[in-house]
Amino acid sequence: IIKTAGYGKVDFAAPICVSTCASTQRTSSWSEA
């Protein structure tokens, strides 16, 4: 999903990331911690 972009840096692996929308949203356990 991401790639290294120099020391201590990352970026998206693809130059274009479009639309993941609600259909891919996970609502699994997510604590305030």
PDB file of all heavy atoms in Angstrom:
ATOM      1  N   ILE A   1       0.829  -1.202   0.000  1.00  0.00           N
ATOM      2  CA  ILE A   1       0.000   0.000   0.000  1.00  0.00           C
ATOM      3  C   ILE A   1       0.864   1.253   0.000  1.00  0.00           C
ATOM      4  O   ILE A   1       0.542   2.250  -0.649  1.00  0.00           O
ATOM      5  CB  ILE A   1      -0.934   0.035   1.228  1.00  0.00           C
ATOM      6  CG1 ILE A   1      -1.765  -1.251   1.290  1.00  0.00           C
ATOM      7  CG2 ILE A   1      -1.848   1.254   1.186  1.00  0.00           C
ATOM      8  CD1 ILE A   1      -2.681  -1.447   0.133  1.00  0.00           C
ATOM      9  N   ILE A   2       1.973   1.219   0.742  1.00  0.00           N
ATOM     10  CA  ILE A   2       2.886   2.350   0.784  1.00  0.00           C
ATOM     11  C   ILE A   2       4.278   1.890   0.367  1.00  0.00           C
ATOM     12  O   ILE A   2       4.526   0.690   0.221  1.00  0.00           O
ATOM     13  CB  ILE A   2       2.936   2.990   2.196  1.00  0.00           C
ATOM     14  CG1 ILE A   2       3.511   1.992   3.210  1.00  0.00           C
ATOM     15  CG2 ILE A   2       1.554   3.481   2.615  1.00  0.00           C
ATOM     16  CD1 ILE A   2       3.743   2.580   4.596  1.00  0.00           C
ATOM     17  N   LYS A   3       5.164   2.835   0.192  1.00  0.00           N
ATOM     18  CA  LYS A   3       6.547   2.537  -0.172  1.00  0.00           C
ATOM     19  C   LYS A   3       7.458   3.482   0.590  1.00  0.00           C
ATOM     20  O   LYS A   3       7.029   4.533   1.091  1.00  0.00           O
ATOM     21  CB  LYS A   3       6.761   2.719  -1.675  1.00  0.00           C
ATOM     22  CG  LYS A   3       6.556   4.163  -2.141  1.00  0.00           C
ATOM     23  CD  LYS A   3       6.739   4.306  -3.644  1.00  0.00           C
ATOM     24  CE  LYS A   3       6.495   5.762  -4.081  1.00  0.00           C
ATOM     25  NZ  LYS A   3       6.643   5.912  -5.548  1.00  0.00           N
ATOM     26  N   THR A   4       8.724   3.114   0.717  1.00  0.00           N
ATOM     27  CA  THR A   4       9.686   4.009   1.330  1.00  0.00           C
ATOM     28  C   THR A   4       9.998   5.134   0.354  1.00  0.00           C
ATOM     29  O   THR A   4      10.037   4.930  -0.863  1.00  0.00           O
ATOM     30  CB  THR A   4      10.980   3.270   1.696  1.00  0.00           C
ATOM     31  OG1 THR A   4      11.521   2.649   0.519  1.00  0.00           O
ATOM     32  CG2 THR A   4      10.714   2.191   2.744  1.00  0.00           C
ATOM     33  N   ALA A   5      10.231   6.316   0.884  1.00  0.00           N
ATOM     34  CA  ALA A   5      10.486   7.488   0.030  1.00  0.00           C
ATOM     35  C   ALA A   5      11.661   8.286   0.591  1.00  0.00           C
ATOM     36  O   ALA A   5      11.631   9.501   0.645  1.00  0.00           O
ATOM     37  CB  ALA A   5       9.241   8.356  -0.053  1.00  0.00           C
ATOM     38  N   GLY A   6      12.702   7.571   0.998  1.00  0.00           N
ATOM     39  CA  GLY A   6      13.849   8.215   1.621  1.00  0.00           C
ATOM     40  C   GLY A   6      13.913   7.849   3.095  1.00  0.00           C
ATOM     41  O   GLY A   6      13.000   7.213   3.645  1.00  0.00           O
ATOM     42  N   TYR A   7      14.991   8.233   3.740  1.00  0.00           N
ATOM     43  CA  TYR A   7      15.191   7.855   5.137  1.00  0.00           C
ATOM     44  C   TYR A   7      14.084   8.450   6.015  1.00  0.00           C
ATOM     45  O   TYR A   7      13.861   9.661   6.029  1.00  0.00           O
ATOM     46  CB  TYR A   7      16.545   8.351   5.631  1.00  0.00           C
ATOM     47  CG  TYR A   7      16.848   7.955   7.059  1.00  0.00           C
ATOM     48  CD1 TYR A   7      17.211   6.636   7.360  1.00  0.00           C
ATOM     49  CD2 TYR A   7      16.734   8.869   8.098  1.00  0.00           C
ATOM     50  CE1 TYR A   7      17.482   6.263   8.663  1.00  0.00           C
ATOM     51  CE2 TYR A   7      16.991   8.499   9.406  1.00  0.00           C
ATOM     52  CZ  TYR A   7      17.363   7.189   9.679  1.00  0.00           C
ATOM     53  OH  TYR A   7      17.628   6.805  10.971  1.00  0.00           O
ATOM     54  N   GLY A   8      13.391   7.569   6.718  1.00  0.00           N
ATOM     55  CA  GLY A   8      12.348   8.012   7.630  1.00  0.00           C
ATOM     56  C   GLY A   8      11.103   8.545   6.957  1.00  0.00           C
ATOM     57  O   GLY A   8      10.284   9.205   7.602  1.00  0.00           O
ATOM     58  N   LYS A   9      10.929   8.240   5.660  1.00  0.00           N
ATOM     59  CA  LYS A   9       9.781   8.760   4.923  1.00  0.00           C
ATOM     60  C   LYS A   9       9.032   7.628   4.233  1.00  0.00           C
ATOM     61  O   LYS A   9       9.619   6.619   3.834  1.00  0.00           O
ATOM     62  CB  LYS A   9      10.221   9.781   3.862  1.00  0.00           C
ATOM     63  CG  LYS A   9      10.870  11.033   4.414  1.00  0.00           C
ATOM     64  CD  LYS A   9      11.260  11.956   3.271  1.00  0.00           C
ATOM     65  CE  LYS A   9      11.924  13.239   3.776  1.00  0.00           C
ATOM     66  NZ  LYS A   9      12.304  14.130   2.650  1.00  0.00           N
ATOM     67  N   VAL A  10       7.727   7.815   4.060  1.00  0.00           N
ATOM     68  CA  VAL A  10       6.906   6.875   3.296  1.00  0.00           C
ATOM     69  C   VAL A  10       5.943   7.662   2.415  1.00  0.00           C
ATOM     70  O   VAL A  10       5.694   8.841   2.645  1.00  0.00           O
ATOM     71  CB  VAL A  10       6.094   5.933   4.220  1.00  0.00           C
ATOM     72  CG1 VAL A  10       7.015   5.016   4.992  1.00  0.00           C
ATOM     73  CG2 VAL A  10       5.193   6.726   5.158  1.00  0.00           C
ATOM     74  N   ASP A  11       5.424   6.984   1.408  1.00  0.00           N
ATOM     75  CA  ASP A  11       4.427   7.587   0.525  1.00  0.00           C
ATOM     76  C   ASP A  11       3.553   6.471  -0.003  1.00  0.00           C
ATOM     77  O   ASP A  11       3.878   5.282   0.129  1.00  0.00           O
ATOM     78  CB  ASP A  11       5.111   8.331  -0.626  1.00  0.00           C
ATOM     79  CG  ASP A  11       4.194   9.348  -1.298  1.00  0.00           C
ATOM     80  OD1 ASP A  11       3.033   9.461  -0.869  1.00  0.00           O
ATOM     81  OD2 ASP A  11       4.643  10.014  -2.247  1.00  0.00           O
ATOM     82  N   PHE A  12       2.451   6.829  -0.629  1.00  0.00           N
ATOM     83  CA  PHE A  12       1.603   5.816  -1.239  1.00  0.00           C
ATOM     84  C   PHE A  12       2.356   5.130  -2.368  1.00  0.00           C
ATOM     85  O   PHE A  12       3.067   5.772  -3.143  1.00  0.00           O
ATOM     86  CB  PHE A  12       0.312   6.442  -1.755  1.00  0.00           C
ATOM     87  CG  PHE A  12      -0.616   6.887  -0.663  1.00  0.00           C
ATOM     88  CD1 PHE A  12      -0.737   8.224  -0.339  1.00  0.00           C
ATOM     89  CD2 PHE A  12      -1.346   5.956   0.057  1.00  0.00           C
ATOM     90  CE1 PHE A  12      -1.575   8.635   0.679  1.00  0.00           C
ATOM     91  CE2 PHE A  12      -2.183   6.351   1.083  1.00  0.00           C
ATOM     92  CZ  PHE A  12      -2.301   7.702   1.400  1.00  0.00           C
ATOM     93  N   ALA A  13       2.204   3.819  -2.457  1.00  0.00           N
ATOM     94  CA  ALA A  13       2.937   3.054  -3.462  1.00  0.00           C
ATOM     95  C   ALA A  13       2.463   3.374  -4.866  1.00  0.00           C
ATOM     96  O   ALA A  13       3.237   3.356  -5.811  1.00  0.00           O
ATOM     97  CB  ALA A  13       2.795   1.558  -3.187  1.00  0.00           C
ATOM     98  N   ALA A  14       1.170   3.636  -5.012  1.00  0.00           N
ATOM     99  CA  ALA A  14       0.628   3.999  -6.313  1.00  0.00           C
ATOM    100  C   ALA A  14       0.407   5.504  -6.349  1.00  0.00           C
ATOM    101  O   ALA A  14       0.018   6.089  -5.344  1.00  0.00           O
ATOM    102  CB  ALA A  14      -0.691   3.277  -6.563  1.00  0.00           C
ATOM    103  N   PRO A  15       0.665   6.130  -7.484  1.00  0.00           N
ATOM    104  CA  PRO A  15       0.489   7.573  -7.567  1.00  0.00           C
ATOM    105  C   PRO A  15      -0.963   8.001  -7.499  1.00  0.00           C
ATOM    106  O   PRO A  15      -1.266   9.155  -7.305  1.00  0.00           O
ATOM    107  CB  PRO A  15       1.093   7.922  -8.931  1.00  0.00           C
ATOM    108  CG  PRO A  15       0.944   6.678  -9.731  1.00  0.00           C
ATOM    109  CD  PRO A  15       1.126   5.556  -8.760  1.00  0.00           C
ATOM    110  N   ILE A  16      -1.862   7.043  -7.670  1.00  0.00           N
ATOM    111  CA  ILE A  16      -3.279   7.368  -7.644  1.00  0.00           C
ATOM    112  C   ILE A  16      -3.983   6.408  -6.716  1.00  0.00           C
ATOM    113  O   ILE A  16      -3.888   5.206  -6.880  1.00  0.00           O
ATOM    114  CB  ILE A  16      -3.903   7.257  -9.047  1.00  0.00           C
ATOM    115  CG1 ILE A  16      -3.135   8.123 -10.006  1.00  0.00           C
ATOM    116  CG2 ILE A  16      -5.365   7.623  -9.027  1.00  0.00           C
ATOM    117  CD1 ILE A  16      -3.409   7.813 -11.425  1.00  0.00           C
ATOM    118  N   CYS A  17      -4.671   6.910  -5.721  1.00  0.00           N
ATOM    119  CA  CYS A  17      -5.486   6.075  -4.834  1.00  0.00           C
ATOM    120  C   CYS A  17      -6.883   6.661  -4.853  1.00  0.00           C
ATOM    121  O   CYS A  17      -7.075   7.778  -4.410  1.00  0.00           O
ATOM    122  CB  CYS A  17      -4.958   6.086  -3.407  1.00  0.00           C
ATOM    123  SG  CYS A  17      -3.402   5.243  -3.184  1.00  0.00           S
ATOM    124  N   VAL A  18      -7.818   5.924  -5.373  1.00  0.00           N
ATOM    125  CA  VAL A  18      -9.161   6.460  -5.517  1.00  0.00           C
ATOM    126  C   VAL A  18     -10.168   5.550  -4.841  1.00  0.00           C
ATOM    127  O   VAL A  18     -10.113   4.349  -4.983  1.00  0.00           O
ATOM    128  CB  VAL A  18      -9.528   6.597  -7.014  1.00  0.00           C
ATOM    129  CG1 VAL A  18     -10.894   7.221  -7.169  1.00  0.00           C
ATOM    130  CG2 VAL A  18      -8.496   7.423  -7.726  1.00  0.00           C
ATOM    131  N   SER A  19     -11.109   6.180  -4.132  1.00  0.00           N
ATOM    132  CA  SER A  19     -12.347   5.567  -3.677  1.00  0.00           C
ATOM    133  C   SER A  19     -12.208   4.221  -2.989  1.00  0.00           C
ATOM    134  O   SER A  19     -12.190   3.194  -3.623  1.00  0.00           O
ATOM    135  CB  SER A  19     -13.293   5.439  -4.858  1.00  0.00           C
ATOM    136  OG  SER A  19     -13.684   4.180  -5.153  1.00  0.00           O
ATOM    137  N   THR A  20     -12.106   4.253  -1.691  1.00  0.00           N
ATOM    138  CA  THR A  20     -12.291   3.010  -0.959  1.00  0.00           C
ATOM    139  C   THR A  20     -13.639   3.044  -0.280  1.00  0.00           C
ATOM    140  O   THR A  20     -14.169   2.006   0.041  1.00  0.00           O
ATOM    141  CB  THR A  20     -11.196   2.813   0.093  1.00  0.00           C
ATOM    142  OG1 THR A  20     -11.178   3.914   0.952  1.00  0.00           O
ATOM    143  CG2 THR A  20      -9.868   2.633  -0.559  1.00  0.00           C
ATOM    144  N   CYS A  21     -14.208   4.156  -0.051  1.00  0.00           N
ATOM    145  CA  CYS A  21     -15.572   4.387   0.406  1.00  0.00           C
ATOM    146  C   CYS A  21     -16.024   3.475   1.544  1.00  0.00           C
ATOM    147  O   CYS A  21     -15.291   2.690   2.084  1.00  0.00           O
ATOM    148  CB  CYS A  21     -16.554   4.327  -0.747  1.00  0.00           C
ATOM    149  SG  CYS A  21     -16.734   2.716  -1.455  1.00  0.00           S
ATOM    150  N   ALA A  22     -17.295   3.652   1.883  1.00  0.00           N
ATOM    151  CA  ALA A  22     -17.826   2.982   3.068  1.00  0.00           C
ATOM    152  C   ALA A  22     -17.890   1.479   2.911  1.00  0.00           C
ATOM    153  O   ALA A  22     -17.896   0.755   3.892  1.00  0.00           O
ATOM    154  CB  ALA A  22     -19.213   3.527   3.390  1.00  0.00           C
ATOM    155  N   SER A  23     -17.936   0.988   1.676  1.00  0.00           N
ATOM    156  CA  SER A  23     -18.066  -0.452   1.481  1.00  0.00           C
ATOM    157  C   SER A  23     -16.838  -1.203   1.965  1.00  0.00           C
ATOM    158  O   SER A  23     -16.911  -2.401   2.235  1.00  0.00           O
ATOM    159  CB  SER A  23     -18.289  -0.771   0.003  1.00  0.00           C
ATOM    160  OG  SER A  23     -17.178  -0.375  -0.767  1.00  0.00           O
ATOM    161  N   THR A  24     -15.693  -0.530   2.052  1.00  0.00           N
ATOM    162  CA  THR A  24     -14.490  -1.193   2.522  1.00  0.00           C
ATOM    163  C   THR A  24     -14.187  -0.848   3.964  1.00  0.00           C
ATOM    164  O   THR A  24     -13.198  -1.295   4.511  1.00  0.00           O
ATOM    165  CB  THR A  24     -13.269  -0.788   1.664  1.00  0.00           C
ATOM    166  OG1 THR A  24     -13.037   0.607   1.829  1.00  0.00           O
ATOM    167  CG2 THR A  24     -13.495  -1.112   0.220  1.00  0.00           C
ATOM    168  N   GLN A  25     -15.035  -0.029   4.574  1.00  0.00           N
ATOM    169  CA  GLN A  25     -14.783   0.402   5.942  1.00  0.00           C
ATOM    170  C   GLN A  25     -15.044  -0.740   6.912  1.00  0.00           C
ATOM    171  O   GLN A  25     -16.051  -1.414   6.850  1.00  0.00           O
ATOM    172  CB  GLN A  25     -15.691   1.576   6.302  1.00  0.00           C
ATOM    173  CG  GLN A  25     -15.494   2.078   7.730  1.00  0.00           C
ATOM    174  CD  GLN A  25     -16.288   3.338   7.955  1.00  0.00           C
ATOM    175  OE1 GLN A  25     -16.456   4.125   7.050  1.00  0.00           O
ATOM    176  NE2 GLN A  25     -16.771   3.512   9.162  1.00  0.00           N
ATOM    177  N   ARG A  26     -14.093  -0.961   7.794  1.00  0.00           N
ATOM    178  CA  ARG A  26     -14.255  -1.989   8.804  1.00  0.00           C
ATOM    179  C   ARG A  26     -14.746  -1.340  10.085  1.00  0.00           C
ATOM    180  O   ARG A  26     -14.295  -0.275  10.458  1.00  0.00           O
ATOM    181  CB  ARG A  26     -12.921  -2.695   9.069  1.00  0.00           C
ATOM    182  CG  ARG A  26     -12.413  -3.500   7.890  1.00  0.00           C
ATOM    183  CD  ARG A  26     -10.999  -3.954   8.135  1.00  0.00           C
ATOM    184  NE  ARG A  26     -10.934  -4.796   9.314  1.00  0.00           N
ATOM    185  CZ  ARG A  26     -10.609  -6.078   9.286  1.00  0.00           C
ATOM    186  NH1 ARG A  26     -10.372  -6.648   8.147  1.00  0.00           N
ATOM    187  NH2 ARG A  26     -10.532  -6.779  10.387  1.00  0.00           N
ATOM    188  N   THR A  27     -15.634  -1.997  10.771  1.00  0.00           N
ATOM    189  CA  THR A  27     -16.127  -1.475  12.041  1.00  0.00           C
ATOM    190  C   THR A  27     -15.863  -2.488  13.146  1.00  0.00           C
ATOM    191  O   THR A  27     -16.679  -2.724  14.018  1.00  0.00           O
ATOM    192  CB  THR A  27     -17.629  -1.188  11.958  1.00  0.00           C
ATOM    193  OG1 THR A  27     -18.310  -2.370  11.542  1.00  0.00           O
ATOM    194  CG2 THR A  27     -17.919  -0.062  10.994  1.00  0.00           C
ATOM    195  N   SER A  28     -14.701  -3.091  13.065  1.00  0.00           N
ATOM    196  CA  SER A  28     -14.301  -4.034  14.090  1.00  0.00           C
ATOM    197  C   SER A  28     -13.916  -3.263  15.348  1.00  0.00           C
ATOM    198  O   SER A  28     -13.928  -2.041  15.380  1.00  0.00           O
ATOM    199  CB  SER A  28     -13.117  -4.870  13.592  1.00  0.00           C
ATOM    200  OG  SER A  28     -12.076  -4.028  13.199  1.00  0.00           O
ATOM    201  N   SER A  29     -13.561  -4.001  16.379  1.00  0.00           N
ATOM    202  CA  SER A  29     -13.313  -3.359  17.669  1.00  0.00           C
ATOM    203  C   SER A  29     -12.265  -2.271  17.561  1.00  0.00           C
ATOM    204  O   SER A  29     -11.229  -2.449  16.951  1.00  0.00           O
ATOM    205  CB  SER A  29     -12.846  -4.416  18.678  1.00  0.00           C
ATOM    206  OG  SER A  29     -11.663  -5.030  18.241  1.00  0.00           O
ATOM    207  N   TRP A  30     -12.582  -1.168  18.162  1.00  0.00           N
ATOM    208  CA  TRP A  30     -11.711   0.009  18.100  1.00  0.00           C
ATOM    209  C   TRP A  30     -11.865   0.726  19.433  1.00  0.00           C
ATOM    210  O   TRP A  30     -12.864   1.382  19.685  1.00  0.00           O
ATOM    211  CB  TRP A  30     -12.139   0.909  16.948  1.00  0.00           C
ATOM    212  CG  TRP A  30     -11.374   2.190  16.873  1.00  0.00           C
ATOM    213  CD1 TRP A  30     -11.664   3.367  17.471  1.00  0.00           C
ATOM    214  CD2 TRP A  30     -10.178   2.414  16.146  1.00  0.00           C
ATOM    215  NE1 TRP A  30     -10.737   4.314  17.163  1.00  0.00           N
ATOM    216  CE2 TRP A  30      -9.802   3.750  16.349  1.00  0.00           C
ATOM    217  CE3 TRP A  30      -9.377   1.597  15.336  1.00  0.00           C
ATOM    218  CZ2 TRP A  30      -8.677   4.304  15.779  1.00  0.00           C
ATOM    219  CZ3 TRP A  30      -8.259   2.164  14.773  1.00  0.00           C
ATOM    220  CH2 TRP A  30      -7.917   3.494  14.990  1.00  0.00           C
ATOM    221  N   SER A  31     -10.921   0.594  20.302  1.00  0.00           N
ATOM    222  CA  SER A  31     -11.045   1.183  21.629  1.00  0.00           C
ATOM    223  C   SER A  31     -10.504   2.591  21.634  1.00  0.00           C
ATOM    224  O   SER A  31      -9.737   2.993  20.770  1.00  0.00           O
ATOM    225  CB  SER A  31     -10.284   0.330  22.653  1.00  0.00           C
ATOM    226  OG  SER A  31      -8.896   0.438  22.425  1.00  0.00           O
ATOM    227  N   GLU A  32     -10.903   3.348  22.641  1.00  0.00           N
ATOM    228  CA  GLU A  32     -10.425   4.718  22.761  1.00  0.00           C
ATOM    229  C   GLU A  32      -8.927   4.765  23.023  1.00  0.00           C
ATOM    230  O   GLU A  32      -8.292   5.792  22.868  1.00  0.00           O
ATOM    231  CB  GLU A  32     -11.175   5.418  23.901  1.00  0.00           C
ATOM    232  CG  GLU A  32     -12.652   5.643  23.603  1.00  0.00           C
ATOM    233  CD  GLU A  32     -12.837   6.528  22.387  1.00  0.00           C
ATOM    234  OE1 GLU A  32     -12.081   7.511  22.248  1.00  0.00           O
ATOM    235  OE2 GLU A  32     -13.721   6.227  21.572  1.00  0.00           O
ATOM    236  N   ALA A  33      -8.359   3.606  23.383  1.00  0.00           N
ATOM    237  CA  ALA A  33      -6.918   3.567  23.618  1.00  0.00           C
ATOM    238  C   ALA A  33      -6.129   3.539  22.319  1.00  0.00           C
ATOM    239  O   ALA A  33      -4.932   3.769  22.308  1.00  0.00           O
ATOM    240  CB  ALA A  33      -6.562   2.336  24.455  1.00  0.00           C
TER     241      ALA A  33
END
